[in-house]
Every structure is written in C-alpha cells, then in structure tokens.
Amino acid sequence: MRTIPVKTNPPYAVMIGPGLLGNCGERLKAAVPPCRMAVVTDSTVGPLYLGAVRESLTAAGYAVSAYTFPAGEGSKHFETLSGILEFLAEERLTRTDCLTALGGGVVGDMAGFAAACYLRGIRYVQMPTTLLAAVDSSVGGKTAIDLKAGKNLAGAFLQPAAVLCDTDCLGTLPRPVFAGGAAEAIKTGVLCDEALFALFEDGALKAGPAEVIARCVAYKAGVVERDEKEQGERKLLNLGHTVGHAIEKCSGYAIAHGHAVAAGLAVIARAAEALGWTEEPLAGRICACLHKNALPISTEYSPELLAEAALADKKRAGENITVVLPRKIGRCELKTMPVAELLPVIRAGWEA
C-alpha cells in the first residue's frame, strides 16, 4: 500500500493499494474513530462494493446506514442533494458522525457537498472506485453539483478526513470508464513533468495503475497544499476543462467528463501551438497520447456553441475568463482574456 499525505488544515492521508475496501473499517479508525457512518453510493457501485464496506465498518465498531441514488451525471443536482440531506437527518447523524462517499466522481461530489451542508459541516471519507476519482476528484476537497446553467456551479470546499483508494476496483471498470480516468491522469502528466507524461505514452497506466495513481495524487496534493481554495496555482488543474465542461453541457451531459476533458485538452493544445503560445511542438504528442488511451481528440460541437457554453463556466470573472495553456510538457500557465477572445482561441484548436 502507498500512503500520500495531504498537508492541508486538517491534514489527511490518501491510501492506495489492493484490498482496502475489505478492511476499510480498521484503516479508518486512526482518522475517524467508530461512530455513526452513513455510506452514500450509487446504483452501479452499491451492488458491487457496499456489502463488503458495510461488513468491514460494522466489524470495526461503526454503526452503518446507506443511501443509494441513480448512477450518472444526471443525478448531480439539487434533488439528489436534498435526498441525501433528508436521509442524514432521518438517521439523526450528529457532528461527531461521518459520511462516506463510495463511488466515482459524481458520488464524491454529491456526498462531499452534503457533508459540507449538513449541520454546517460534518466529516466525510472518500472511497473512490473509478480511476477518475482516484487520480483527481477524491483529493483536494472540491465538492459540487450541476445547475441548469452549467457544471459544478454550486459547491463547497471541504477536505475529507481520509481517502481509501482500492485499486482492485479498477478491474471492474468498463473500458470507456477507465479511459475517462486516464484523461485526468494525462492532464496531470502535462502539468507535472516529462517523466509522468511518458508513462501514459508507454502504457504504464494499464500495466501498473497503483504507481501512476500515487504519482498523480502526490502532484495534486502539493498543489492543494499551496493553494487550497483555488486562488492561484490550483487553477492550473483546470487544464482542458474550459472547453471540456462546454462539451459536456452541449451534449446534455451525455458525453462523460473524462472524454470531454480529453477533447478539451486536445483543442487547447492545438490552439496554443497554432497561436504561438507554446515553447515547443506538443499538440501532436498530446493528441497521440490521448488517442493511444482510447480518448477523443475532437468534438462535433462548433466553436460558436462551445464558446457560448463556456461563458457560464465558473472560471469566468466579469468580462474575463481564465484559460489554462500548455507551454510545454511540465509547464502550463494561466491566461486571462476578455470573453470575446475565447471564440477565436477555440476556433484555432477546433477539429470536427
């Protein structure tokens, strides 16, 4: 097992390795002593893992209850949040109790936001079961739901008490879901350094996911420690997301987050190179890596539709929007521009 410390206030540990769900109760005791534990999961993950998690938590002395909602981005809204909050109240959880998010990114966002809202904040634990949640969304304390106007427009920052990433869960993922997680990992490689990015070019993600997850988590942990509330450096983690979120919105969230981010990353890489903002040719390399990992590098939605959808993005500030530009592998920067300039940028990198 690998353990990555996240030195926020309060600090917590990300545990990565096989078989963690089966002994999660004992693993959690140091961070969250036995209490009432409400497990929030979805209709896909629950049948696979809820039984083992409930059994382990109960054996370790936790009083366990569970709430399951329909799987998918379509559940990431106020109605689901309300259902979770009402459940927590019916179960009479107190501020000394805890909530566990068992699932992928949607479950983590929903459960984390519920934990931040209920009684103005209770503890929660992340148990990511997808690659995307493992490398990205379970770490860093960002929680959110979608609004009609756009993705993740209501939320809160709340760091988890612990993160347990059982790599055995990756074996049950459908190939498209695994690929979606690879998109966030590749994004991290572009941000981090040549060594990490090269792992995705070489196929190491499938061969040894635990090590790659640990490398991605360690990079993100450092960023979060330096900028917990996303006032500066942490905005770099949105690489590919301005266009990616627009693609999700244009598709009515039929296109999964990871695949949308992959296409968004390809668009912004081509745009940066075409507009002379890169220090070296990199768009071809990034697109080849995405393609090798079964990810899209283009989108059917026009630049005009994407630019319009992006104007509702939370990265907009007044009449400006901040876009993350790759300069070279291992170096990206934030570029703030008037919203009117976003359309020409997207056009420069767009391919059908």
Protein backbone atom coordinates (compact mmCIF):
# COMPACT_ATOMS: atom_id res chain seq x y z
CA MET A 1 0.00 0.00 0.00
CA ARG A 2 1.13 3.54 -0.78
CA THR A 3 0.21 6.41 1.54
CA ILE A 4 0.31 10.01 0.28
CA PRO A 5 -0.04 12.73 2.94
CA VAL A 6 -2.07 15.82 2.10
CA LYS A 7 -0.88 18.61 4.40
CA THR A 8 -3.96 20.79 4.49
CA ASN A 9 -5.58 22.02 7.70
CA PRO A 10 -6.57 19.49 8.92
CA PRO A 11 -4.21 17.06 7.16
CA TYR A 12 -5.26 13.65 5.89
CA ALA A 13 -3.82 10.61 4.14
CA VAL A 14 -4.60 9.05 0.76
CA MET A 15 -4.14 5.26 0.97
CA ILE A 16 -3.65 3.47 -2.35
CA GLY A 17 -3.49 -0.27 -2.83
CA PRO A 18 -5.39 -3.53 -3.33
CA GLY A 19 -7.98 -4.88 -0.91
CA LEU A 20 -8.60 -1.66 1.01
CA LEU A 21 -12.40 -1.80 0.92
CA GLY A 22 -12.42 -5.19 2.58
CA ASN A 23 -10.65 -3.81 5.67
CA CYS A 24 -11.72 -0.18 5.43
CA GLY A 25 -13.06 -0.19 9.00
CA GLU A 26 -9.67 -0.84 10.56
CA ARG A 27 -7.95 1.51 8.08
CA LEU A 28 -10.25 4.38 9.05
CA LYS A 29 -10.01 4.12 12.82
CA ALA A 30 -6.99 6.40 13.13
CA ALA A 31 -8.67 9.20 11.18
CA VAL A 32 -12.30 8.63 12.22
CA PRO A 33 -12.89 6.64 15.42
CA PRO A 34 -16.00 4.42 15.38
CA CYS A 35 -19.20 6.46 15.12
CA ARG A 36 -22.38 6.52 13.05
CA MET A 37 -21.27 6.16 9.43
CA ALA A 38 -23.60 6.98 6.54
CA VAL A 39 -22.37 5.49 3.27
CA VAL A 40 -23.53 7.29 0.12
CA THR A 41 -23.19 5.35 -3.12
CA ASP A 42 -24.91 4.90 -6.48
CA SER A 43 -26.88 2.19 -8.22
CA THR A 44 -23.82 0.90 -10.10
CA VAL A 45 -21.30 0.80 -7.25
CA GLY A 46 -23.63 -0.25 -4.45
CA PRO A 47 -24.28 -3.81 -5.69
CA LEU A 48 -20.53 -4.32 -6.21
CA TYR A 49 -18.97 -2.98 -3.03
CA LEU A 50 -21.49 -1.76 -0.45
CA GLY A 51 -21.81 -5.16 1.19
CA ALA A 52 -18.07 -5.54 1.82
CA VAL A 53 -17.75 -1.95 3.05
CA ARG A 54 -20.72 -2.29 5.39
CA GLU A 55 -19.37 -5.57 6.79
CA SER A 56 -15.89 -4.13 7.42
CA LEU A 57 -17.18 -0.93 9.01
CA THR A 58 -19.60 -2.84 11.25
CA ALA A 59 -16.88 -5.25 12.37
CA ALA A 60 -14.72 -2.27 13.31
CA GLY A 61 -17.46 -0.80 15.52
CA TYR A 62 -19.19 1.68 13.22
CA ALA A 63 -23.00 1.92 13.09
CA VAL A 64 -23.64 1.84 9.36
CA SER A 65 -26.52 3.11 7.24
CA ALA A 66 -26.54 3.58 3.47
CA TYR A 67 -28.13 5.79 0.83
CA THR A 68 -28.12 4.89 -2.87
CA PHE A 69 -29.04 7.18 -5.78
CA PRO A 70 -29.22 6.52 -9.54
CA ALA A 71 -25.79 6.42 -11.17
CA GLY A 72 -24.68 9.09 -13.63
CA GLU A 73 -24.09 12.79 -14.10
CA GLY A 74 -27.85 13.23 -14.45
CA SER A 75 -28.17 12.75 -10.68
CA LYS A 76 -25.75 15.53 -9.84
CA HIS A 77 -28.38 18.11 -8.90
CA PHE A 78 -30.32 19.61 -6.00
CA GLU A 79 -32.94 16.86 -5.85
CA THR A 80 -30.30 14.22 -5.14
CA LEU A 81 -28.57 16.51 -2.66
CA SER A 82 -31.86 17.09 -0.88
CA GLY A 83 -32.46 13.34 -0.69
CA ILE A 84 -29.07 12.76 0.91
CA LEU A 85 -29.57 15.56 3.43
CA GLU A 86 -33.01 14.30 4.41
CA PHE A 87 -31.55 10.82 4.84
CA LEU A 88 -28.80 12.12 7.13
CA ALA A 89 -31.39 13.94 9.22
CA GLU A 90 -33.66 10.88 9.40
CA GLU A 91 -30.68 8.82 10.57
CA ARG A 92 -30.01 11.50 13.18
CA LEU A 93 -26.36 11.91 12.37
CA THR A 94 -24.58 14.46 14.54
CA ARG A 95 -21.42 16.50 14.13
CA THR A 96 -19.43 13.68 15.73
CA ASP A 97 -20.53 11.27 12.99
CA CYS A 98 -19.25 10.75 9.46
CA LEU A 99 -20.31 10.27 5.85
CA THR A 100 -18.54 8.01 3.34
CA ALA A 101 -18.55 8.59 -0.42
CA LEU A 102 -18.32 5.17 -2.08
CA GLY A 103 -18.12 5.55 -5.85
CA GLY A 104 -16.80 7.71 -8.66
CA GLY A 105 -16.62 11.43 -9.16
CA VAL A 106 -20.36 12.10 -9.06
CA VAL A 107 -20.76 10.23 -5.76
CA GLY A 108 -17.74 12.00 -4.30
CA ASP A 109 -19.02 15.43 -5.30
CA MET A 110 -22.55 14.77 -4.07
CA ALA A 111 -21.56 13.18 -0.77
CA GLY A 112 -18.88 15.79 -0.11
CA PHE A 113 -21.27 18.66 -0.74
CA ALA A 114 -23.86 17.02 1.52
CA ALA A 115 -21.22 16.68 4.25
CA ALA A 116 -20.35 20.37 3.87
CA CYS A 117 -24.02 21.40 4.13
CA TYR A 118 -25.38 19.07 6.80
CA LEU A 119 -25.20 20.70 10.25
CA ARG A 120 -22.90 23.25 8.57
CA GLY A 121 -20.26 20.59 8.14
CA ILE A 122 -19.53 17.02 9.23
CA ARG A 123 -16.61 14.72 8.48
CA TYR A 124 -16.55 12.62 5.36
CA VAL A 125 -14.36 9.95 3.81
CA GLN A 126 -13.69 9.32 0.13
CA MET A 127 -13.58 5.74 -1.18
CA PRO A 128 -13.06 6.24 -4.94
CA THR A 129 -13.96 3.29 -7.14
CA THR A 130 -13.09 4.79 -10.55
CA LEU A 131 -9.76 5.85 -11.98
CA LEU A 132 -11.01 9.39 -12.47
CA ALA A 133 -11.99 9.74 -8.82
CA ALA A 134 -8.76 8.08 -7.69
CA VAL A 135 -6.38 10.37 -9.58
CA ASP A 136 -8.34 13.58 -9.25
CA SER A 137 -11.74 14.26 -7.73
CA SER A 138 -11.37 12.38 -4.42
CA VAL A 139 -8.39 14.52 -3.41
CA GLY A 140 -8.45 18.23 -2.68
CA GLY A 141 -11.83 18.87 -1.08
CA LYS A 142 -13.74 20.33 -4.05
CA THR A 143 -17.41 19.33 -3.96
CA ALA A 144 -20.21 20.50 -6.24
CA ILE A 145 -23.43 19.90 -8.09
CA ASP A 146 -24.50 21.00 -11.57
CA LEU A 147 -27.03 23.74 -12.28
CA LYS A 148 -29.03 24.19 -15.47
CA ALA A 149 -26.62 26.96 -16.47
CA GLY A 150 -23.53 24.76 -16.22
CA LYS A 151 -21.36 22.22 -14.46
CA ASN A 152 -20.24 22.45 -10.82
CA LEU A 153 -21.75 25.89 -10.29
CA ALA A 154 -22.83 25.22 -6.68
CA GLY A 155 -20.48 23.64 -4.19
CA ALA A 156 -18.10 24.00 -1.27
CA PHE A 157 -14.54 23.27 -0.25
CA LEU A 158 -14.34 20.54 2.41
CA GLN A 159 -11.29 18.33 2.78
CA PRO A 160 -12.01 14.66 3.52
CA ALA A 161 -10.84 13.01 6.73
CA ALA A 162 -9.25 10.21 4.69
CA VAL A 163 -9.16 8.73 1.20
CA LEU A 164 -9.07 4.96 0.61
CA CYS A 165 -8.32 4.04 -3.00
CA ASP A 166 -8.75 0.30 -3.55
CA THR A 167 -7.01 -0.47 -6.84
CA ASP A 168 -8.92 -3.76 -7.12
CA CYS A 169 -11.96 -1.67 -8.09
CA LEU A 170 -10.31 -0.72 -11.36
CA GLY A 171 -10.71 -4.28 -12.57
CA THR A 172 -14.50 -3.91 -12.69
CA LEU A 173 -14.50 -0.71 -14.74
CA PRO A 174 -15.83 -0.79 -18.31
CA ARG A 175 -13.18 0.29 -20.79
CA PRO A 176 -14.76 3.69 -21.52
CA VAL A 177 -14.92 4.49 -17.80
CA PHE A 178 -11.27 3.55 -17.33
CA ALA A 179 -10.36 5.70 -20.32
CA GLY A 180 -12.23 8.64 -18.80
CA GLY A 181 -10.00 8.44 -15.75
CA ALA A 182 -6.95 8.25 -17.98
CA ALA A 183 -7.87 11.69 -19.33
CA GLU A 184 -7.45 13.32 -15.92
CA ALA A 185 -4.22 11.39 -15.36
CA ILE A 186 -2.82 12.51 -18.73
CA LYS A 187 -3.81 16.07 -17.88
CA THR A 188 -1.78 15.74 -14.69
CA GLY A 189 1.18 14.46 -16.71
CA VAL A 190 1.06 17.52 -18.97
CA LEU A 191 1.08 19.73 -15.87
CA CYS A 192 3.67 17.79 -13.90
CA ASP A 193 6.71 16.66 -15.88
CA GLU A 194 8.10 14.61 -18.74
CA ALA A 195 8.59 11.52 -16.60
CA LEU A 196 4.93 11.25 -15.60
CA PHE A 197 3.60 12.10 -19.06
CA ALA A 198 5.87 9.50 -20.64
CA LEU A 199 4.21 6.80 -18.52
CA PHE A 200 0.96 7.38 -20.40
CA GLU A 201 2.75 7.30 -23.73
CA ASP A 202 4.31 3.96 -22.73
CA GLY A 203 1.09 2.33 -21.50
CA ALA A 204 2.16 2.18 -17.84
CA LEU A 205 -1.27 3.23 -16.62
CA LYS A 206 -2.77 -0.13 -17.50
CA ALA A 207 0.31 -2.11 -16.50
CA GLY A 208 0.81 -0.55 -13.07
CA PRO A 209 -2.06 1.75 -12.08
CA ALA A 210 -1.20 2.00 -8.37
CA GLU A 211 2.14 3.71 -9.02
CA VAL A 212 0.64 6.08 -11.57
CA ILE A 213 -2.25 6.96 -9.25
CA ALA A 214 0.23 7.66 -6.45
CA ARG A 215 2.27 9.94 -8.70
CA CYS A 216 -0.83 11.87 -9.77
CA VAL A 217 -2.13 12.18 -6.21
CA ALA A 218 1.27 13.35 -4.92
CA TYR A 219 1.36 16.09 -7.57
CA LYS A 220 -2.18 17.24 -6.82
CA ALA A 221 -1.56 17.12 -3.06
CA GLY A 222 1.32 19.55 -3.43
CA VAL A 223 -0.79 21.97 -5.45
CA VAL A 224 -3.69 21.77 -2.97
CA GLU A 225 -1.37 22.35 -0.02
CA ARG A 226 -0.10 25.56 -1.61
CA ASP A 227 -3.48 26.80 -2.84
CA GLU A 228 -6.36 25.03 -1.11
CA LYS A 229 -9.14 27.43 -2.18
CA GLU A 230 -8.08 27.79 -5.83
CA GLN A 231 -6.91 31.39 -5.72
CA GLY A 232 -3.90 30.87 -7.99
CA GLU A 233 -1.83 27.78 -8.78
CA ARG A 234 -4.68 25.33 -8.27
CA LYS A 235 -6.48 26.85 -11.26
CA LEU A 236 -3.88 25.06 -13.40
CA LEU A 237 -5.63 21.78 -12.59
CA ASN A 238 -8.44 23.01 -14.87
CA LEU A 239 -6.30 22.31 -17.94
CA GLY A 240 -8.68 21.18 -20.70
CA HIS A 241 -11.73 21.89 -18.56
CA THR A 242 -12.97 25.18 -20.04
CA VAL A 243 -13.71 23.52 -23.37
CA GLY A 244 -14.32 20.15 -21.68
CA HIS A 245 -17.13 21.46 -19.50
CA ALA A 246 -18.61 23.21 -22.54
CA ILE A 247 -18.64 19.90 -24.42
CA GLU A 248 -20.39 18.22 -21.50
CA LYS A 249 -23.02 20.95 -21.38
CA CYS A 250 -23.59 20.93 -25.15
CA SER A 251 -24.13 17.17 -25.03
CA GLY A 252 -26.64 17.41 -22.19
CA TYR A 253 -24.01 15.52 -20.16
CA ALA A 254 -24.29 12.51 -22.46
CA ILE A 255 -20.54 12.78 -23.02
CA ALA A 256 -18.69 11.68 -19.89
CA HIS A 257 -16.46 14.13 -18.04
CA GLY A 258 -13.16 12.42 -18.84
CA HIS A 259 -13.87 12.14 -22.54
CA ALA A 260 -14.97 15.77 -22.67
CA VAL A 261 -11.81 16.88 -20.87
CA ALA A 262 -9.69 14.85 -23.29
CA ALA A 263 -11.26 16.63 -26.27
CA GLY A 264 -10.94 19.95 -24.45
CA LEU A 265 -7.25 19.28 -23.78
CA ALA A 266 -6.68 18.49 -27.45
CA VAL A 267 -8.45 21.68 -28.54
CA ILE A 268 -6.48 23.94 -26.20
CA ALA A 269 -3.17 22.23 -27.07
CA ARG A 270 -3.73 22.76 -30.79
CA ALA A 271 -4.86 26.33 -30.18
CA ALA A 272 -1.83 27.17 -28.04
CA GLU A 273 0.52 25.81 -30.67
CA ALA A 274 -1.30 27.47 -33.58
CA LEU A 275 -1.29 30.85 -31.83
CA GLY A 276 2.42 30.66 -30.97
CA TRP A 277 1.97 30.30 -27.21
CA THR A 278 3.92 27.07 -26.81
CA GLU A 279 7.66 26.71 -26.27
CA GLU A 280 7.87 23.51 -28.30
CA PRO A 281 5.61 21.43 -30.55
CA LEU A 282 3.34 19.48 -28.24
CA ALA A 283 -0.17 19.27 -29.70
CA GLY A 284 0.66 16.23 -31.82
CA ARG A 285 2.26 14.48 -28.87
CA ILE A 286 -0.66 15.18 -26.54
CA CYS A 287 -3.21 14.09 -29.14
CA ALA A 288 -1.28 10.89 -29.87
CA CYS A 289 -1.20 10.07 -26.16
CA LEU A 290 -4.95 10.67 -25.80
CA HIS A 291 -5.68 8.54 -28.86
CA LYS A 292 -3.47 5.72 -27.54
CA ASN A 293 -5.54 5.72 -24.35
CA ALA A 294 -8.85 5.44 -26.27
CA LEU A 295 -9.80 9.08 -25.81
CA PRO A 296 -11.25 11.61 -28.29
CA ILE A 297 -9.20 14.48 -29.69
CA SER A 298 -12.03 16.38 -31.40
CA THR A 299 -15.65 17.37 -30.93
CA GLU A 300 -18.68 17.70 -33.16
CA TYR A 301 -19.83 20.88 -31.39
CA SER A 302 -18.93 24.06 -33.23
CA PRO A 303 -16.57 26.67 -31.78
CA GLU A 304 -19.52 29.03 -31.51
CA LEU A 305 -21.56 26.59 -29.39
CA LEU A 306 -18.54 25.78 -27.22
CA ALA A 307 -17.68 29.42 -26.61
CA GLU A 308 -21.26 30.23 -25.67
CA ALA A 309 -21.43 27.30 -23.25
CA ALA A 310 -18.07 28.23 -21.73
CA LEU A 311 -19.30 31.69 -20.79
CA ALA A 312 -21.29 30.10 -17.93
CA ASP A 313 -18.15 28.43 -16.61
CA LYS A 314 -17.14 29.22 -13.04
CA LYS A 315 -13.69 30.29 -14.29
CA ARG A 316 -15.26 33.42 -15.76
CA ALA A 317 -14.82 36.63 -13.77
CA GLY A 318 -16.90 39.53 -15.07
CA GLU A 319 -15.99 40.11 -18.71
CA ASN A 320 -12.83 37.99 -18.47
CA ILE A 321 -12.21 34.25 -18.46
CA THR A 322 -9.08 32.39 -17.42
CA VAL A 323 -7.83 29.58 -19.65
CA VAL A 324 -5.02 27.14 -18.85
CA LEU A 325 -2.46 26.99 -21.65
CA PRO A 326 0.17 24.26 -22.07
CA ARG A 327 3.54 25.81 -22.88
CA LYS A 328 5.49 22.54 -22.86
CA ILE A 329 5.17 19.20 -21.07
CA GLY A 330 5.62 20.06 -17.40
CA ARG A 331 4.87 23.76 -17.77
CA CYS A 332 1.46 25.34 -18.12
CA GLU A 333 0.26 28.84 -17.36
CA LEU A 334 -2.92 30.78 -16.73
CA LYS A 335 -4.01 33.27 -19.37
CA THR A 336 -6.82 35.68 -18.58
CA MET A 337 -8.52 37.13 -21.61
CA PRO A 338 -11.70 39.05 -22.47
CA VAL A 339 -14.56 36.65 -23.09
CA ALA A 340 -14.76 37.93 -26.69
CA GLU A 341 -11.31 36.41 -27.36
CA LEU A 342 -12.33 32.90 -26.32
CA LEU A 343 -14.10 32.09 -29.60
CA PRO A 344 -11.02 32.78 -31.78
CA VAL A 345 -8.92 30.63 -29.44
CA ILE A 346 -11.33 27.72 -29.69
CA ARG A 347 -11.50 28.12 -33.45
CA ALA A 348 -7.70 27.89 -33.63
CA GLY A 349 -7.76 24.47 -31.98
CA TRP A 350 -11.08 23.05 -33.15
CA GLU A 351 -11.38 19.94 -35.28
CA ALA A 352 -14.60 18.07 -36.07
